[in-house]
C-alpha atoms as a PDB file:
ATOM      1  CA  MET A   1      -0.328  -0.130  -0.023  1.00  0.00           C
ATOM      2  CA  ALA A   2       1.528   3.311  -1.119  1.00  0.00           C
ATOM      3  CA  PHE A   3       2.088   6.273   1.818  1.00  0.00           C
ATOM      4  CA  GLN A   4      -1.079   8.487   0.759  1.00  0.00           C
ATOM      5  CA  GLN A   5      -0.826  12.457   3.107  1.00  0.00           C
ATOM      6  CA  ALA A   6      -3.988  13.329   5.095  1.00  0.00           C
ATOM      7  CA  GLY A   7      -5.520  16.095   3.594  1.00  0.00           C
ATOM      8  CA  ILE A   8      -5.773  19.109   5.376  1.00  0.00           C
ATOM      9  CA  LYS A   9      -7.552  21.990   4.961  1.00  0.00           C
ATOM     10  CA  VAL A  10      -6.131  24.922   4.116  1.00  0.00           C
ATOM     11  CA  GLU A  11      -7.172  28.034   6.383  1.00  0.00           C
ATOM     12  CA  ARG A  12      -5.616  30.900   4.484  1.00  0.00           C
ATOM     13  CA  GLU A  13      -6.056  30.106   1.002  1.00  0.00           C
ATOM     14  CA  ARG A  14      -5.957  32.944  -0.769  1.00  0.00           C
ATOM     15  CA  GLU A  15      -1.881  33.306   0.553  1.00  0.00           C
ATOM     16  CA  TYR A  16      -1.339  29.666   0.299  1.00  0.00           C
ATOM     17  CA  ILE A  17      -2.409  30.058  -3.206  1.00  0.00           C
ATOM     18  CA  ALA A  18      -0.142  32.650  -4.360  1.00  0.00           C
ATOM     19  CA  LEU A  19       3.037  31.407  -1.989  1.00  0.00           C
ATOM     20  CA  ARG A  20       2.117  27.774  -3.896  1.00  0.00           C
ATOM     21  CA  GLY A  21       2.091  29.051  -7.424  1.00  0.00           C
ATOM     22  CA  ALA A  22       5.107  31.438  -6.621  1.00  0.00           C
ATOM     23  CA  ILE A  23       7.044  28.028  -5.923  1.00  0.00           C
ATOM     24  CA  GLU A  24       5.555  26.101  -8.671  1.00  0.00           C
ATOM     25  CA  ASN A  25       6.517  28.752 -11.336  1.00  0.00           C
ATOM     26  CA  ALA A  26      10.359  29.328  -9.541  1.00  0.00           C
ATOM     27  CA  VAL A  27      10.466  25.572  -9.981  1.00  0.00           C
ATOM     28  CA  SER A  28       9.248  25.133 -13.578  1.00  0.00           C
ATOM     29  CA  ALA A  29      11.122  23.701 -16.320  1.00  0.00           C
ATOM     30  CA  ALA A  30      11.202  27.216 -17.504  1.00  0.00           C
ATOM     31  CA  ASN A  31      13.187  28.699 -14.251  1.00  0.00           C
ATOM     32  CA  VAL A  32      14.483  25.869 -12.427  1.00  0.00           C
ATOM     33  CA  GLU A  33      18.547  25.966 -13.383  1.00  0.00           C
ATOM     34  CA  LYS A  34      17.605  30.019 -12.819  1.00  0.00           C
ATOM     35  CA  PHE A  35      16.809  28.885  -9.455  1.00  0.00           C
ATOM     36  CA  LEU A  36      19.285  26.651  -8.774  1.00  0.00           C
ATOM     37  CA  LYS A  37      21.804  29.207  -9.793  1.00  0.00           C
ATOM     38  CA  GLN A  38      20.295  32.058  -7.529  1.00  0.00           C
ATOM     39  CA  LEU A  39      20.137  29.221  -4.567  1.00  0.00           C
ATOM     40  CA  SER A  40      24.604  28.929  -5.277  1.00  0.00           C
ATOM     41  CA  SER A  41      25.130  31.993  -6.051  1.00  0.00           C
ATOM     42  CA  SER A  42      23.025  33.022  -2.372  1.00  0.00           C
ATOM     43  CA  GLY A  43      24.788  30.211  -0.720  1.00  0.00           C
ATOM     44  CA  VAL A  44      21.494  28.663   0.009  1.00  0.00           C
ATOM     45  CA  LYS A  45      21.073  24.997   0.693  1.00  0.00           C
ATOM     46  CA  ALA A  46      18.130  23.957  -1.242  1.00  0.00           C
ATOM     47  CA  ARG A  47      15.729  22.599   1.265  1.00  0.00           C
ATOM     48  CA  GLU A  48      16.554  25.172   3.553  1.00  0.00           C
ATOM     49  CA  PHE A  49      12.891  26.707   2.329  1.00  0.00           C
ATOM     50  CA  GLU A  50      13.005  29.798   5.264  1.00  0.00           C
ATOM     51  CA  ARG A  51      16.275  30.816   3.841  1.00  0.00           C
ATOM     52  CA  VAL A  52      14.938  31.411   0.550  1.00  0.00           C
ATOM     53  CA  LEU A  53      12.512  33.408   1.943  1.00  0.00           C
ATOM     54  CA  GLU A  54      14.606  35.364   3.951  1.00  0.00           C
ATOM     55  CA  ARG A  55      16.860  36.084   0.575  1.00  0.00           C
ATOM     56  CA  LYS A  56      13.712  36.754  -1.640  1.00  0.00           C
ATOM     57  CA  ILE A  57      14.793  34.558  -4.233  1.00  0.00           C
ATOM     58  CA  LEU A  58      11.320  33.671  -5.326  1.00  0.00           C
ATOM     59  CA  GLU A  59      10.788  37.394  -6.291  1.00  0.00           C
ATOM     60  CA  LYS A  60      14.166  37.522  -8.528  1.00  0.00           C
ATOM     61  CA  LEU A  61      12.256  35.267 -10.797  1.00  0.00           C
ATOM     62  CA  VAL A  62       8.226  35.050  -9.995  1.00  0.00           C
ATOM     63  CA  PRO A  63       7.487  38.359 -11.912  1.00  0.00           C
ATOM     64  CA  GLU A  64       3.963  37.842 -10.742  1.00  0.00           C
ATOM     65  CA  LEU A  65       4.788  37.711  -7.085  1.00  0.00           C
ATOM     66  CA  LYS A  66       6.816  40.835  -7.475  1.00  0.00           C
ATOM     67  CA  ALA A  67       3.928  42.140  -9.036  1.00  0.00           C
ATOM     68  CA  SER A  68       1.756  41.864  -6.478  1.00  0.00           C
ATOM     69  CA  GLY A  69       3.264  44.303  -4.140  1.00  0.00           C
ATOM     70  CA  SER A  70       3.415  40.952  -1.585  1.00  0.00           C
ATOM     71  CA  THR A  71       6.483  39.124  -0.914  1.00  0.00           C
ATOM     72  CA  ALA A  72       6.891  35.537  -0.700  1.00  0.00           C
ATOM     73  CA  GLN A  73       8.586  35.557   3.523  1.00  0.00           C
ATOM     74  CA  GLN A  74       4.437  38.220   3.744  1.00  0.00           C
ATOM     75  CA  LEU A  75       2.468  35.199   2.637  1.00  0.00           C
ATOM     76  CA  TRP A  76       4.318  32.739   4.904  1.00  0.00           C
ATOM     77  CA  ASP A  77       4.077  34.677   7.424  1.00  0.00           C
ATOM     78  CA  ALA A  78       0.249  34.960   6.871  1.00  0.00           C
ATOM     79  CA  LEU A  79       0.101  31.525   6.982  1.00  0.00           C
ATOM     80  CA  SER A  80      -1.229  29.421  10.560  1.00  0.00           C
ATOM     81  CA  LEU A  81       1.013  26.487  10.989  1.00  0.00           C
ATOM     82  CA  SER A  82      -0.388  24.080   9.545  1.00  0.00           C
ATOM     83  CA  ASP A  83      -0.439  25.919   5.931  1.00  0.00           C
ATOM     84  CA  GLN A  84       3.158  26.308   6.255  1.00  0.00           C
ATOM     85  CA  ALA A  85       4.123  23.025   6.556  1.00  0.00           C
ATOM     86  CA  GLN A  86       1.920  22.306   3.530  1.00  0.00           C
ATOM     87  CA  ALA A  87       3.550  25.304   1.940  1.00  0.00           C
ATOM     88  CA  ARG A  88       7.194  24.068   3.019  1.00  0.00           C
ATOM     89  CA  GLU A  89       6.115  20.459   1.923  1.00  0.00           C
ATOM     90  CA  PHE A  90       5.376  21.697  -1.075  1.00  0.00           C
ATOM     91  CA  TYR A  91       8.723  23.259  -1.776  1.00  0.00           C
ATOM     92  CA  LEU A  92      10.548  20.000  -1.064  1.00  0.00           C
ATOM     93  CA  GLU A  93       8.403  17.520  -2.884  1.00  0.00           C
ATOM     94  CA  ARG A  94       9.653  20.415  -5.897  1.00  0.00           C
ATOM     95  CA  ILE A  95      13.238  20.379  -5.197  1.00  0.00           C
ATOM     96  CA  GLU A  96      12.887  16.666  -5.053  1.00  0.00           C
ATOM     97  CA  GLN A  97      11.738  16.817  -8.296  1.00  0.00           C
ATOM     98  CA  VAL A  98      14.213  18.620 -10.398  1.00  0.00           C
ATOM     99  CA  SER A  99      16.167  16.448 -12.861  1.00  0.00           C
ATOM    100  CA  ASP A 100      19.175  14.165 -12.349  1.00  0.00           C
ATOM    101  CA  GLU A 101      21.237  15.974 -14.499  1.00  0.00           C
ATOM    102  CA  LEU A 102      20.855  19.166 -12.812  1.00  0.00           C
ATOM    103  CA  ARG A 103      20.600  17.719  -9.122  1.00  0.00           C
ATOM    104  CA  GLU A 104      24.930  16.894 -10.351  1.00  0.00           C
ATOM    105  CA  LYS A 105      25.407  19.881 -11.742  1.00  0.00           C
ATOM    106  CA  TYR A 106      24.048  21.706  -8.625  1.00  0.00           C
ATOM    107  CA  ARG A 107      25.286  19.487  -6.104  1.00  0.00           C
ATOM    108  CA  LYS A 108      26.784  21.659  -3.470  1.00  0.00           C
ATOM    109  CA  VAL A 109      23.523  23.107  -3.256  1.00  0.00           C
ATOM    110  CA  TYR A 110      21.637  19.907  -3.015  1.00  0.00           C
ATOM    111  CA  ILE A 111      24.230  18.481  -0.356  1.00  0.00           C
ATOM    112  CA  ASP A 112      23.063  19.640   3.316  1.00  0.00           C
ATOM    113  CA  ARG A 113      27.110  19.044   4.404  1.00  0.00           C
ATOM    114  CA  ILE A 114      30.269  19.811   2.809  1.00  0.00           C
END
């Protein structure tokens, strides 16, 4: 039997959808290499989601987020703890879906300790 994550209702839907969309856009096939390059140049590891927010990496890659007037950090701060957990899990799932080729090219970003 395969693992299936329990569905948890999102409390702050507007903010959650906006943040999730920014994450999806940043790690999309069209942007993922730019995203990894930004992580590398900022000294941020792929799994350090809070540092991605602090360094405004999503804003550098997602023009819609920048144009909305809200930062990813502001959207994050507006979420409940359970919404934050779901957003973090979504982010972690997406960065693990990056192609092996790019993961190898940016392996320092994926290695937690060097």
